[in-house]
PDB file of N, CA and C in Angstrom:
ATOM      1  N   UNK A   1       4.040   5.687 -24.761  1.00  0.00           N
ATOM      2  CA  UNK A   1       5.485   5.576 -24.694  1.00  0.00           C
ATOM      3  C   UNK A   1       5.867   4.117 -24.949  1.00  0.00           C
ATOM      4  N   UNK A   2       6.672   3.896 -25.952  1.00  0.00           N
ATOM      5  CA  UNK A   2       7.114   2.557 -26.313  1.00  0.00           C
ATOM      6  C   UNK A   2       8.420   2.247 -25.591  1.00  0.00           C
ATOM      7  N   UNK A   3       8.437   1.125 -24.852  1.00  0.00           N
ATOM      8  CA  UNK A   3       9.653   0.780 -24.106  1.00  0.00           C
ATOM      9  C   UNK A   3      10.253  -0.560 -24.519  1.00  0.00           C
ATOM     10  N   UNK A   4       9.523  -1.341 -25.326  1.00  0.00           N
ATOM     11  CA  UNK A   4      10.052  -2.627 -25.792  1.00  0.00           C
ATOM     12  C   UNK A   4      10.112  -2.636 -27.312  1.00  0.00           C
ATOM     13  N   UNK A   5      11.074  -3.348 -27.875  1.00  0.00           N
ATOM     14  CA  UNK A   5      11.161  -3.413 -29.331  1.00  0.00           C
ATOM     15  C   UNK A   5      10.022  -4.262 -29.893  1.00  0.00           C
ATOM     16  N   UNK A   6       9.740  -4.051 -31.156  1.00  0.00           N
ATOM     17  CA  UNK A   6       8.747  -4.865 -31.845  1.00  0.00           C
ATOM     18  C   UNK A   6       9.354  -6.244 -32.115  1.00  0.00           C
ATOM     19  N   UNK A   7       8.651  -7.294 -31.734  1.00  0.00           N
ATOM     20  CA  UNK A   7       9.110  -8.660 -31.986  1.00  0.00           C
ATOM     21  C   UNK A   7       8.540  -9.093 -33.330  1.00  0.00           C
ATOM     22  N   UNK A   8       9.427  -9.288 -34.312  1.00  0.00           N
ATOM     23  CA  UNK A   8       9.005  -9.677 -35.655  1.00  0.00           C
ATOM     24  C   UNK A   8       8.807 -11.181 -35.760  1.00  0.00           C
ATOM     25  N   UNK A   9       9.643 -11.953 -35.067  1.00  0.00           N
ATOM     26  CA  UNK A   9       9.505 -13.409 -35.046  1.00  0.00           C
ATOM     27  C   UNK A   9      10.260 -13.963 -33.856  1.00  0.00           C
ATOM     28  N   UNK A  10       9.943 -15.198 -33.524  1.00  0.00           N
ATOM     29  CA  UNK A  10      10.622 -15.871 -32.418  1.00  0.00           C
ATOM     30  C   UNK A  10      10.697 -17.362 -32.708  1.00  0.00           C
ATOM     31  N   UNK A  11      11.830 -17.946 -32.336  1.00  0.00           N
ATOM     32  CA  UNK A  11      12.039 -19.385 -32.413  1.00  0.00           C
ATOM     33  C   UNK A  11      12.622 -19.793 -31.075  1.00  0.00           C
ATOM     34  N   UNK A  12      11.810 -20.463 -30.266  1.00  0.00           N
ATOM     35  CA  UNK A  12      12.239 -20.759 -28.901  1.00  0.00           C
ATOM     36  C   UNK A  12      12.060 -22.228 -28.562  1.00  0.00           C
ATOM     37  N   UNK A  13      12.968 -22.701 -27.706  1.00  0.00           N
ATOM     38  CA  UNK A  13      12.858 -24.017 -27.090  1.00  0.00           C
ATOM     39  C   UNK A  13      12.997 -23.793 -25.586  1.00  0.00           C
ATOM     40  N   UNK A  14      13.130 -24.862 -24.823  1.00  0.00           N
ATOM     41  CA  UNK A  14      13.281 -24.705 -23.371  1.00  0.00           C
ATOM     42  C   UNK A  14      14.594 -24.033 -22.983  1.00  0.00           C
ATOM     43  N   UNK A  15      15.640 -24.197 -23.823  1.00  0.00           N
ATOM     44  CA  UNK A  15      16.954 -23.688 -23.425  1.00  0.00           C
ATOM     45  C   UNK A  15      17.522 -22.602 -24.332  1.00  0.00           C
ATOM     46  N   UNK A  16      16.809 -22.250 -25.406  1.00  0.00           N
ATOM     47  CA  UNK A  16      17.307 -21.195 -26.275  1.00  0.00           C
ATOM     48  C   UNK A  16      16.162 -20.479 -26.964  1.00  0.00           C
ATOM     49  N   UNK A  17      16.466 -19.267 -27.403  1.00  0.00           N
ATOM     50  CA  UNK A  17      15.449 -18.472 -28.080  1.00  0.00           C
ATOM     51  C   UNK A  17      16.147 -17.479 -28.999  1.00  0.00           C
ATOM     52  N   UNK A  18      15.616 -17.334 -30.200  1.00  0.00           N
ATOM     53  CA  UNK A  18      16.097 -16.325 -31.138  1.00  0.00           C
ATOM     54  C   UNK A  18      14.919 -15.424 -31.462  1.00  0.00           C
ATOM     55  N   UNK A  19      15.084 -14.143 -31.128  1.00  0.00           N
ATOM     56  CA  UNK A  19      14.049 -13.147 -31.375  1.00  0.00           C
ATOM     57  C   UNK A  19      14.533 -12.196 -32.460  1.00  0.00           C
ATOM     58  N   UNK A  20      13.704 -11.977 -33.461  1.00  0.00           N
ATOM     59  CA  UNK A  20      13.975 -10.951 -34.466  1.00  0.00           C
ATOM     60  C   UNK A  20      13.261  -9.688 -33.994  1.00  0.00           C
ATOM     61  N   UNK A  21      14.015  -8.628 -33.787  1.00  0.00           N
ATOM     62  CA  UNK A  21      13.482  -7.397 -33.212  1.00  0.00           C
ATOM     63  C   UNK A  21      13.640  -6.233 -34.183  1.00  0.00           C
ATOM     64  N   UNK A  22      12.691  -5.301 -34.137  1.00  0.00           N
ATOM     65  CA  UNK A  22      12.827  -4.033 -34.851  1.00  0.00           C
ATOM     66  C   UNK A  22      12.892  -2.936 -33.813  1.00  0.00           C
ATOM     67  N   UNK A  23      13.888  -2.078 -33.923  1.00  0.00           N
ATOM     68  CA  UNK A  23      14.084  -0.988 -32.967  1.00  0.00           C
ATOM     69  C   UNK A  23      13.372   0.255 -33.493  1.00  0.00           C
ATOM     70  N   UNK A  24      12.115   0.409 -33.079  1.00  0.00           N
ATOM     71  CA  UNK A  24      11.304   1.518 -33.546  1.00  0.00           C
ATOM     72  C   UNK A  24      11.915   2.852 -33.102  1.00  0.00           C
ATOM     73  N   UNK A  25      11.894   3.870 -33.965  1.00  0.00           N
ATOM     74  CA  UNK A  25      12.476   5.165 -33.599  1.00  0.00           C
ATOM     75  C   UNK A  25      11.779   5.815 -32.408  1.00  0.00           C
ATOM     76  N   UNK A  26      10.538   5.442 -32.142  1.00  0.00           N
ATOM     77  CA  UNK A  26       9.798   6.050 -31.022  1.00  0.00           C
ATOM     78  C   UNK A  26      10.087   5.381 -29.678  1.00  0.00           C
ATOM     79  N   UNK A  27      11.013   4.420 -29.642  1.00  0.00           N
ATOM     80  CA  UNK A  27      11.382   3.821 -28.361  1.00  0.00           C
ATOM     81  C   UNK A  27      11.856   4.904 -27.391  1.00  0.00           C
ATOM     82  N   UNK A  28      11.372   4.831 -26.195  1.00  0.00           N
ATOM     83  CA  UNK A  28      11.689   5.809 -25.150  1.00  0.00           C
ATOM     84  C   UNK A  28      13.198   6.014 -24.997  1.00  0.00           C
ATOM     85  N   UNK A  29      13.952   4.941 -25.119  1.00  0.00           N
ATOM     86  CA  UNK A  29      15.385   4.982 -24.820  1.00  0.00           C
ATOM     87  C   UNK A  29      16.210   5.750 -25.850  1.00  0.00           C
ATOM     88  N   UNK A  30      15.633   6.008 -27.021  1.00  0.00           N
ATOM     89  CA  UNK A  30      16.343   6.812 -28.018  1.00  0.00           C
ATOM     90  C   UNK A  30      16.233   8.309 -27.723  1.00  0.00           C
ATOM     91  N   UNK A  31      15.258   8.702 -26.921  1.00  0.00           N
ATOM     92  CA  UNK A  31      15.041  10.119 -26.633  1.00  0.00           C
ATOM     93  C   UNK A  31      16.145  10.661 -25.732  1.00  0.00           C
ATOM     94  N   UNK A  32      16.819  11.694 -26.192  1.00  0.00           N
ATOM     95  CA  UNK A  32      17.804  12.373 -25.368  1.00  0.00           C
ATOM     96  C   UNK A  32      19.135  11.677 -25.231  1.00  0.00           C
ATOM     97  N   UNK A  33      19.270  10.493 -25.807  1.00  0.00           N
ATOM     98  CA  UNK A  33      20.549   9.792 -25.727  1.00  0.00           C
ATOM     99  C   UNK A  33      21.318  10.129 -26.992  1.00  0.00           C
ATOM    100  N   UNK A  34      22.188  11.089 -26.898  1.00  0.00           N
ATOM    101  CA  UNK A  34      22.903  11.652 -28.044  1.00  0.00           C
ATOM    102  C   UNK A  34      21.904  12.216 -29.055  1.00  0.00           C
ATOM    103  N   UNK A  35      21.386  13.420 -28.820  1.00  0.00           N
ATOM    104  CA  UNK A  35      20.342  14.009 -29.670  1.00  0.00           C
ATOM    105  C   UNK A  35      20.677  14.028 -31.161  1.00  0.00           C
ATOM    106  N   UNK A  36      21.942  14.223 -31.526  1.00  0.00           N
ATOM    107  CA  UNK A  36      22.305  14.250 -32.944  1.00  0.00           C
ATOM    108  C   UNK A  36      22.403  12.856 -33.551  1.00  0.00           C
ATOM    109  N   UNK A  37      22.543  11.858 -32.718  1.00  0.00           N
ATOM    110  CA  UNK A  37      22.642  10.475 -33.187  1.00  0.00           C
ATOM    111  C   UNK A  37      22.107   9.550 -32.103  1.00  0.00           C
ATOM    112  N   UNK A  38      20.797   9.312 -32.085  1.00  0.00           N
ATOM    113  CA  UNK A  38      20.240   8.453 -31.038  1.00  0.00           C
ATOM    114  C   UNK A  38      20.766   7.021 -31.148  1.00  0.00           C
ATOM    115  N   UNK A  39      21.200   6.478 -30.016  1.00  0.00           N
ATOM    116  CA  UNK A  39      21.670   5.095 -29.947  1.00  0.00           C
ATOM    117  C   UNK A  39      20.969   4.405 -28.776  1.00  0.00           C
ATOM    118  N   UNK A  40      20.863   3.093 -28.862  1.00  0.00           N
ATOM    119  CA  UNK A  40      20.256   2.324 -27.779  1.00  0.00           C
ATOM    120  C   UNK A  40      21.313   2.085 -26.708  1.00  0.00           C
ATOM    121  N   UNK A  41      21.115   2.601 -25.493  1.00  0.00           N
ATOM    122  CA  UNK A  41      22.106   2.436 -24.429  1.00  0.00           C
ATOM    123  C   UNK A  41      22.375   0.956 -24.102  1.00  0.00           C
ATOM    124  N   UNK A  42      23.611   0.671 -23.750  1.00  0.00           N
ATOM    125  CA  UNK A  42      23.992  -0.694 -23.401  1.00  0.00           C
ATOM    126  C   UNK A  42      23.207  -1.247 -22.228  1.00  0.00           C
ATOM    127  N   UNK A  43      22.901  -0.406 -21.246  1.00  0.00           N
ATOM    128  CA  UNK A  43      22.143  -0.879 -20.081  1.00  0.00           C
ATOM    129  C   UNK A  43      20.752  -1.361 -20.501  1.00  0.00           C
ATOM    130  N   UNK A  44      20.174  -0.762 -21.533  1.00  0.00           N
ATOM    131  CA  UNK A  44      18.870  -1.201 -22.037  1.00  0.00           C
ATOM    132  C   UNK A  44      19.009  -2.553 -22.734  1.00  0.00           C
ATOM    133  N   UNK A  45      20.083  -2.721 -23.489  1.00  0.00           N
ATOM    134  CA  UNK A  45      20.317  -4.002 -24.158  1.00  0.00           C
ATOM    135  C   UNK A  45      20.421  -5.138 -23.134  1.00  0.00           C
ATOM    136  N   UNK A  46      21.121  -4.895 -22.045  1.00  0.00           N
ATOM    137  CA  UNK A  46      21.242  -5.895 -20.985  1.00  0.00           C
ATOM    138  C   UNK A  46      19.884  -6.126 -20.327  1.00  0.00           C
ATOM    139  N   UNK A  47      19.154  -5.050 -20.048  1.00  0.00           N
ATOM    140  CA  UNK A  47      17.835  -5.174 -19.421  1.00  0.00           C
ATOM    141  C   UNK A  47      16.892  -6.009 -20.284  1.00  0.00           C
ATOM    142  N   UNK A  48      16.883  -5.775 -21.588  1.00  0.00           N
ATOM    143  CA  UNK A  48      16.040  -6.571 -22.483  1.00  0.00           C
ATOM    144  C   UNK A  48      16.486  -8.029 -22.480  1.00  0.00           C
ATOM    145  N   UNK A  49      17.783  -8.288 -22.477  1.00  0.00           N
ATOM    146  CA  UNK A  49      18.273  -9.672 -22.441  1.00  0.00           C
ATOM    147  C   UNK A  49      17.786 -10.376 -21.169  1.00  0.00           C
ATOM    148  N   UNK A  50      17.837  -9.674 -20.053  1.00  0.00           N
ATOM    149  CA  UNK A  50      17.346 -10.236 -18.786  1.00  0.00           C
ATOM    150  C   UNK A  50      15.842 -10.485 -18.872  1.00  0.00           C
ATOM    151  N   UNK A  51      15.083  -9.474 -19.314  1.00  0.00           N
ATOM    152  CA  UNK A  51      13.619  -9.590 -19.364  1.00  0.00           C
ATOM    153  C   UNK A  51      13.165 -10.704 -20.306  1.00  0.00           C
ATOM    154  N   UNK A  52      13.771 -10.769 -21.495  1.00  0.00           N
ATOM    155  CA  UNK A  52      13.380 -11.814 -22.441  1.00  0.00           C
ATOM    156  C   UNK A  52      13.862 -13.191 -21.984  1.00  0.00           C
ATOM    157  N   UNK A  53      14.965 -13.275 -21.255  1.00  0.00           N
ATOM    158  CA  UNK A  53      15.391 -14.553 -20.676  1.00  0.00           C
ATOM    159  C   UNK A  53      14.366 -15.039 -19.660  1.00  0.00           C
ATOM    160  N   UNK A  54      13.885 -14.126 -18.850  1.00  0.00           N
ATOM    161  CA  UNK A  54      12.849 -14.494 -17.873  1.00  0.00           C
ATOM    162  C   UNK A  54      11.592 -14.983 -18.586  1.00  0.00           C
ATOM    163  N   UNK A  55      11.191 -14.266 -19.631  1.00  0.00           N
ATOM    164  CA  UNK A  55       9.951 -14.590 -20.330  1.00  0.00           C
ATOM    165  C   UNK A  55      10.042 -15.881 -21.136  1.00  0.00           C
ATOM    166  N   UNK A  56      11.091 -16.035 -21.920  1.00  0.00           N
ATOM    167  CA  UNK A  56      11.163 -17.149 -22.862  1.00  0.00           C
ATOM    168  C   UNK A  56      11.954 -18.355 -22.356  1.00  0.00           C
ATOM    169  N   UNK A  57      12.872 -18.138 -21.419  1.00  0.00           N
ATOM    170  CA  UNK A  57      13.666 -19.251 -20.900  1.00  0.00           C
ATOM    171  C   UNK A  57      13.272 -19.602 -19.465  1.00  0.00           C
ATOM    172  N   UNK A  58      12.200 -18.997 -18.994  1.00  0.00           N
ATOM    173  CA  UNK A  58      11.577 -19.334 -17.713  1.00  0.00           C
ATOM    174  C   UNK A  58      12.502 -19.134 -16.510  1.00  0.00           C
ATOM    175  N   UNK A  59      13.232 -18.016 -16.517  1.00  0.00           N
ATOM    176  CA  UNK A  59      14.032 -17.633 -15.353  1.00  0.00           C
ATOM    177  C   UNK A  59      13.080 -16.969 -14.354  1.00  0.00           C
ATOM    178  N   UNK A  60      12.993 -17.453 -13.142  1.00  0.00           N
ATOM    179  CA  UNK A  60      12.056 -16.884 -12.166  1.00  0.00           C
ATOM    180  C   UNK A  60      12.323 -15.397 -11.869  1.00  0.00           C
ATOM    181  N   UNK A  61      11.253 -14.667 -11.685  1.00  0.00           N
ATOM    182  CA  UNK A  61      11.331 -13.230 -11.381  1.00  0.00           C
ATOM    183  C   UNK A  61      12.062 -12.966 -10.063  1.00  0.00           C
ATOM    184  N   UNK A  62      11.987 -13.915  -9.122  1.00  0.00           N
ATOM    185  CA  UNK A  62      12.616 -13.678  -7.811  1.00  0.00           C
ATOM    186  C   UNK A  62      14.109 -14.015  -7.796  1.00  0.00           C
ATOM    187  N   UNK A  63      14.682 -14.362  -8.946  1.00  0.00           N
ATOM    188  CA  UNK A  63      16.124 -14.567  -9.051  1.00  0.00           C
ATOM    189  C   UNK A  63      16.753 -13.278  -9.548  1.00  0.00           C
ATOM    190  N   UNK A  64      17.419 -12.531  -8.704  1.00  0.00           N
ATOM    191  CA  UNK A  64      18.052 -11.294  -9.170  1.00  0.00           C
ATOM    192  C   UNK A  64      19.299 -11.587 -10.008  1.00  0.00           C
ATOM    193  N   UNK A  65      19.690 -10.604 -10.790  1.00  0.00           N
ATOM    194  CA  UNK A  65      20.947 -10.724 -11.526  1.00  0.00           C
ATOM    195  C   UNK A  65      22.078 -10.615 -10.511  1.00  0.00           C
ATOM    196  N   UNK A  66      22.934 -11.617 -10.468  1.00  0.00           N
ATOM    197  CA  UNK A  66      24.048 -11.629  -9.517  1.00  0.00           C
ATOM    198  C   UNK A  66      25.302 -11.034 -10.134  1.00  0.00           C
ATOM    199  N   UNK A  67      25.481 -11.260 -11.440  1.00  0.00           N
ATOM    200  CA  UNK A  67      26.724 -10.829 -12.070  1.00  0.00           C
ATOM    201  C   UNK A  67      26.562 -10.820 -13.588  1.00  0.00           C
ATOM    202  N   UNK A  68      27.277  -9.906 -14.245  1.00  0.00           N
ATOM    203  CA  UNK A  68      27.403  -9.895 -15.702  1.00  0.00           C
ATOM    204  C   UNK A  68      28.850 -10.221 -16.026  1.00  0.00           C
ATOM    205  N   UNK A  69      29.045 -11.110 -16.995  1.00  0.00           N
ATOM    206  CA  UNK A  69      30.402 -11.512 -17.367  1.00  0.00           C
ATOM    207  C   UNK A  69      30.600 -11.322 -18.868  1.00  0.00           C
ATOM    208  N   UNK A  70      31.831 -11.172 -19.266  1.00  0.00           N
ATOM    209  CA  UNK A  70      32.259 -11.014 -20.656  1.00  0.00           C
ATOM    210  C   UNK A  70      31.341 -10.092 -21.465  1.00  0.00           C
ATOM    211  N   UNK A  71      30.942  -9.003 -20.853  1.00  0.00           N
ATOM    212  CA  UNK A  71      30.045  -8.041 -21.489  1.00  0.00           C
ATOM    213  C   UNK A  71      30.818  -7.237 -22.526  1.00  0.00           C
ATOM    214  N   UNK A  72      30.330  -7.253 -23.766  1.00  0.00           N
ATOM    215  CA  UNK A  72      30.998  -6.546 -24.858  1.00  0.00           C
ATOM    216  C   UNK A  72      29.967  -5.809 -25.700  1.00  0.00           C
ATOM    217  N   UNK A  73      30.303  -4.579 -26.067  1.00  0.00           N
ATOM    218  CA  UNK A  73      29.478  -3.781 -26.975  1.00  0.00           C
ATOM    219  C   UNK A  73      30.364  -3.434 -28.166  1.00  0.00           C
ATOM    220  N   UNK A  74      30.093  -4.065 -29.309  1.00  0.00           N
ATOM    221  CA  UNK A  74      30.957  -3.908 -30.470  1.00  0.00           C
ATOM    222  C   UNK A  74      30.491  -2.819 -31.435  1.00  0.00           C
ATOM    223  N   UNK A  75      29.178  -2.713 -31.676  1.00  0.00           N
ATOM    224  CA  UNK A  75      28.639  -1.750 -32.631  1.00  0.00           C
ATOM    225  C   UNK A  75      27.368  -1.134 -32.058  1.00  0.00           C
ATOM    226  N   UNK A  76      27.082   0.089 -32.460  1.00  0.00           N
ATOM    227  CA  UNK A  76      25.894   0.794 -31.986  1.00  0.00           C
ATOM    228  C   UNK A  76      24.620   0.177 -32.540  1.00  0.00           C
ATOM    229  N   UNK A  77      23.573   0.209 -31.732  1.00  0.00           N
ATOM    230  CA  UNK A  77      22.226  -0.142 -32.181  1.00  0.00           C
ATOM    231  C   UNK A  77      21.470   1.160 -32.378  1.00  0.00           C
ATOM    232  N   UNK A  78      20.918   1.341 -33.570  1.00  0.00           N
ATOM    233  CA  UNK A  78      20.307   2.604 -33.978  1.00  0.00           C
ATOM    234  C   UNK A  78      18.828   2.425 -34.293  1.00  0.00           C
ATOM    235  N   UNK A  79      18.068   3.530 -34.328  1.00  0.00           N
ATOM    236  CA  UNK A  79      16.645   3.448 -34.681  1.00  0.00           C
ATOM    237  C   UNK A  79      16.429   2.773 -36.039  1.00  0.00           C
ATOM    238  N   UNK A  80      15.346   2.037 -36.123  1.00  0.00           N
ATOM    239  CA  UNK A  80      14.888   1.329 -37.327  1.00  0.00           C
ATOM    240  C   UNK A  80      15.711   0.097 -37.677  1.00  0.00           C
ATOM    241  N   UNK A  81      16.685  -0.252 -36.874  1.00  0.00           N
ATOM    242  CA  UNK A  81      17.462  -1.461 -37.163  1.00  0.00           C
ATOM    243  C   UNK A  81      16.624  -2.700 -36.876  1.00  0.00           C
ATOM    244  N   UNK A  82      16.887  -3.750 -37.636  1.00  0.00           N
ATOM    245  CA  UNK A  82      16.361  -5.072 -37.327  1.00  0.00           C
ATOM    246  C   UNK A  82      17.528  -5.893 -36.803  1.00  0.00           C
ATOM    247  N   UNK A  83      17.350  -6.441 -35.607  1.00  0.00           N
ATOM    248  CA  UNK A  83      18.419  -7.193 -34.969  1.00  0.00           C
ATOM    249  C   UNK A  83      17.889  -8.528 -34.473  1.00  0.00           C
ATOM    250  N   UNK A  84      18.819  -9.441 -34.319  1.00  0.00           N
ATOM    251  CA  UNK A  84      18.509 -10.752 -33.759  1.00  0.00           C
ATOM    252  C   UNK A  84      19.070 -10.787 -32.348  1.00  0.00           C
ATOM    253  N   UNK A  85      18.208 -11.117 -31.393  1.00  0.00           N
ATOM    254  CA  UNK A  85      18.648 -11.341 -30.020  1.00  0.00           C
ATOM    255  C   UNK A  85      18.623 -12.843 -29.783  1.00  0.00           C
ATOM    256  N   UNK A  86      19.806 -13.413 -29.591  1.00  0.00           N
ATOM    257  CA  UNK A  86      19.924 -14.850 -29.313  1.00  0.00           C
ATOM    258  C   UNK A  86      20.148 -15.036 -27.820  1.00  0.00           C
ATOM    259  N   UNK A  87      19.347 -15.896 -27.218  1.00  0.00           N
ATOM    260  CA  UNK A  87      19.439 -16.210 -25.793  1.00  0.00           C
ATOM    261  C   UNK A  87      19.659 -17.708 -25.642  1.00  0.00           C
ATOM    262  N   UNK A  88      20.553 -18.074 -24.741  1.00  0.00           N
ATOM    263  CA  UNK A  88      20.792 -19.497 -24.499  1.00  0.00           C
ATOM    264  C   UNK A  88      20.997 -19.719 -23.007  1.00  0.00           C
ATOM    265  N   UNK A  89      20.197 -20.608 -22.452  1.00  0.00           N
ATOM    266  CA  UNK A  89      20.343 -20.960 -21.035  1.00  0.00           C
ATOM    267  C   UNK A  89      21.388 -22.062 -20.938  1.00  0.00           C
ATOM    268  N   UNK A  90      22.517 -21.753 -20.302  1.00  0.00           N
ATOM    269  CA  UNK A  90      23.633 -22.687 -20.221  1.00  0.00           C
ATOM    270  C   UNK A  90      23.561 -23.594 -19.003  1.00  0.00           C
ATOM    271  N   UNK A  91      22.929 -23.134 -17.943  1.00  0.00           N
ATOM    272  CA  UNK A  91      22.759 -23.921 -16.730  1.00  0.00           C
ATOM    273  C   UNK A  91      21.560 -23.326 -15.998  1.00  0.00           C
ATOM    274  N   UNK A  92      21.298 -23.830 -14.823  1.00  0.00           N
ATOM    275  CA  UNK A  92      20.155 -23.332 -14.066  1.00  0.00           C
ATOM    276  C   UNK A  92      20.208 -21.826 -13.885  1.00  0.00           C
ATOM    277  N   UNK A  93      21.408 -21.299 -13.641  1.00  0.00           N
ATOM    278  CA  UNK A  93      21.529 -19.895 -13.259  1.00  0.00           C
ATOM    279  C   UNK A  93      22.282 -19.020 -14.262  1.00  0.00           C
ATOM    280  N   UNK A  94      22.549 -19.522 -15.469  1.00  0.00           N
ATOM    281  CA  UNK A  94      23.394 -18.784 -16.411  1.00  0.00           C
ATOM    282  C   UNK A  94      22.765 -18.721 -17.803  1.00  0.00           C
ATOM    283  N   UNK A  95      22.752 -17.506 -18.389  1.00  0.00           N
ATOM    284  CA  UNK A  95      22.265 -17.300 -19.754  1.00  0.00           C
ATOM    285  C   UNK A  95      23.280 -16.497 -20.550  1.00  0.00           C
ATOM    286  N   UNK A  96      23.430 -16.874 -21.808  1.00  0.00           N
ATOM    287  CA  UNK A  96      24.241 -16.114 -22.750  1.00  0.00           C
ATOM    288  C   UNK A  96      23.300 -15.293 -23.623  1.00  0.00           C
ATOM    289  N   UNK A  97      23.749 -14.119 -24.043  1.00  0.00           N
ATOM    290  CA  UNK A  97      22.958 -13.336 -24.985  1.00  0.00           C
ATOM    291  C   UNK A  97      23.864 -12.693 -26.014  1.00  0.00           C
ATOM    292  N   UNK A  98      23.299 -12.442 -27.196  1.00  0.00           N
ATOM    293  CA  UNK A  98      24.018 -11.684 -28.218  1.00  0.00           C
ATOM    294  C   UNK A  98      23.010 -10.984 -29.122  1.00  0.00           C
ATOM    295  N   UNK A  99      23.389  -9.789 -29.554  1.00  0.00           N
ATOM    296  CA  UNK A  99      22.628  -9.013 -30.521  1.00  0.00           C
ATOM    297  C   UNK A  99      23.433  -8.991 -31.815  1.00  0.00           C
ATOM    298  N   UNK A 100      22.785  -9.365 -32.928  1.00  0.00           N
ATOM    299  CA  UNK A 100      23.443  -9.368 -34.230  1.00  0.00           C
ATOM    300  C   UNK A 100      22.508  -8.793 -35.276  1.00  0.00           C
ATOM    301  N   UNK A 101      23.097  -8.273 -36.333  1.00  0.00           N
ATOM    302  CA  UNK A 101      22.331  -7.803 -37.483  1.00  0.00           C
ATOM    303  C   UNK A 101      23.120  -8.123 -38.740  1.00  0.00           C
ATOM    304  N   UNK A 102      22.654  -7.650 -39.861  1.00  0.00           N
ATOM    305  CA  UNK A 102      23.384  -7.847 -41.113  1.00  0.00           C
ATOM    306  C   UNK A 102      24.740  -7.147 -41.076  1.00  0.00           C
ATOM    307  N   UNK A 103      24.915  -6.228 -40.137  1.00  0.00           N
ATOM    308  CA  UNK A 103      26.186  -5.509 -39.992  1.00  0.00           C
ATOM    309  C   UNK A 103      27.172  -6.247 -39.084  1.00  0.00           C
ATOM    310  N   UNK A 104      26.754  -7.348 -38.480  1.00  0.00           N
ATOM    311  CA  UNK A 104      27.623  -8.123 -37.606  1.00  0.00           C
ATOM    312  C   UNK A 104      27.150  -8.127 -36.166  1.00  0.00           C
ATOM    313  N   UNK A 105      28.067  -8.463 -35.276  1.00  0.00           N
ATOM    314  CA  UNK A 105      27.770  -8.543 -33.839  1.00  0.00           C
ATOM    315  C   UNK A 105      27.710  -7.137 -33.244  1.00  0.00           C
ATOM    316  N   UNK A 106      26.696  -6.903 -32.395  1.00  0.00           N
ATOM    317  CA  UNK A 106      26.536  -5.603 -31.744  1.00  0.00           C
ATOM    318  C   UNK A 106      26.867  -5.664 -30.252  1.00  0.00           C
ATOM    319  N   UNK A 107      26.464  -6.735 -29.597  1.00  0.00           N
ATOM    320  CA  UNK A 107      26.706  -6.861 -28.154  1.00  0.00           C
ATOM    321  C   UNK A 107      26.580  -8.324 -27.758  1.00  0.00           C
ATOM    322  N   UNK A 108      27.228  -8.665 -26.647  1.00  0.00           N
ATOM    323  CA  UNK A 108      27.112 -10.027 -26.132  1.00  0.00           C
ATOM    324  C   UNK A 108      27.526 -10.037 -24.668  1.00  0.00           C
ATOM    325  N   UNK A 109      27.146 -11.103 -23.988  1.00  0.00           N
ATOM    326  CA  UNK A 109      27.517 -11.238 -22.591  1.00  0.00           C
ATOM    327  C   UNK A 109      26.908 -12.473 -21.959  1.00  0.00           C
ATOM    328  N   UNK A 110      27.220 -12.629 -20.691  1.00  0.00           N
ATOM    329  CA  UNK A 110      26.730 -13.761 -19.903  1.00  0.00           C
ATOM    330  C   UNK A 110      26.079 -13.180 -18.652  1.00  0.00           C
ATOM    331  N   UNK A 111      24.868 -13.656 -18.360  1.00  0.00           N
ATOM    332  CA  UNK A 111      24.108 -13.198 -17.188  1.00  0.00           C
ATOM    333  C   UNK A 111      24.055 -14.334 -16.181  1.00  0.00           C
ATOM    334  N   UNK A 112      24.502 -14.056 -14.951  1.00  0.00           N
ATOM    335  CA  UNK A 112      24.388 -15.027 -13.871  1.00  0.00           C
ATOM    336  C   UNK A 112      23.308 -14.557 -12.923  1.00  0.00           C
ATOM    337  N   UNK A 113      22.368 -15.441 -12.639  1.00  0.00           N
ATOM    338  CA  UNK A 113      21.279 -15.136 -11.723  1.00  0.00           C
ATOM    339  C   UNK A 113      21.563 -15.766 -10.367  1.00  0.00           C
ATOM    340  N   UNK A 114      21.108 -15.110  -9.320  1.00  0.00           N
ATOM    341  CA  UNK A 114      21.236 -15.669  -7.982  1.00  0.00           C
ATOM    342  C   UNK A 114      19.999 -16.507  -7.711  1.00  0.00           C
ATOM    343  N   UNK A 115      20.204 -17.806  -7.596  1.00  0.00           N
ATOM    344  CA  UNK A 115      19.100 -18.738  -7.401  1.00  0.00           C
ATOM    345  C   UNK A 115      18.541 -18.563  -5.998  1.00  0.00           C
ATOM    346  N   UNK A 116      17.244 -18.285  -5.934  1.00  0.00           N
ATOM    347  CA  UNK A 116      16.565 -18.142  -4.636  1.00  0.00           C
ATOM    348  C   UNK A 116      15.819 -19.424  -4.322  1.00  0.00           C
ATOM    349  N   UNK A 117      15.802 -19.776  -3.073  1.00  0.00           N
ATOM    350  CA  UNK A 117      15.122 -20.999  -2.646  1.00  0.00           C
ATOM    351  C   UNK A 117      13.629 -20.815  -2.632  1.00  0.00           C
TER     352      UNK A 117
END
């Protein structure tokens, strides 16, 4: 069962990361989500943004997500699409994310983490 997109390339620094992703049709999240037209659920897009922020921008695992701000879903993400996930750490506890493709912007938002001591 495939649960993460294929990472085609990555360009990362300490405060930002751009991942080129391919959304394989066999991704678990496409199953049963609108059988006639599988789409990637928004909650999965947010979950991936959180997970990749932790991995590439070094957000500690023990910092839970405290709040999502300015969350927008503009266009559907479909099987076999190639998309760019841009992540930017704006402060200790805040990350911006956006999904884009040749078709334009798909989703964006701001993730606030609760800093644990």
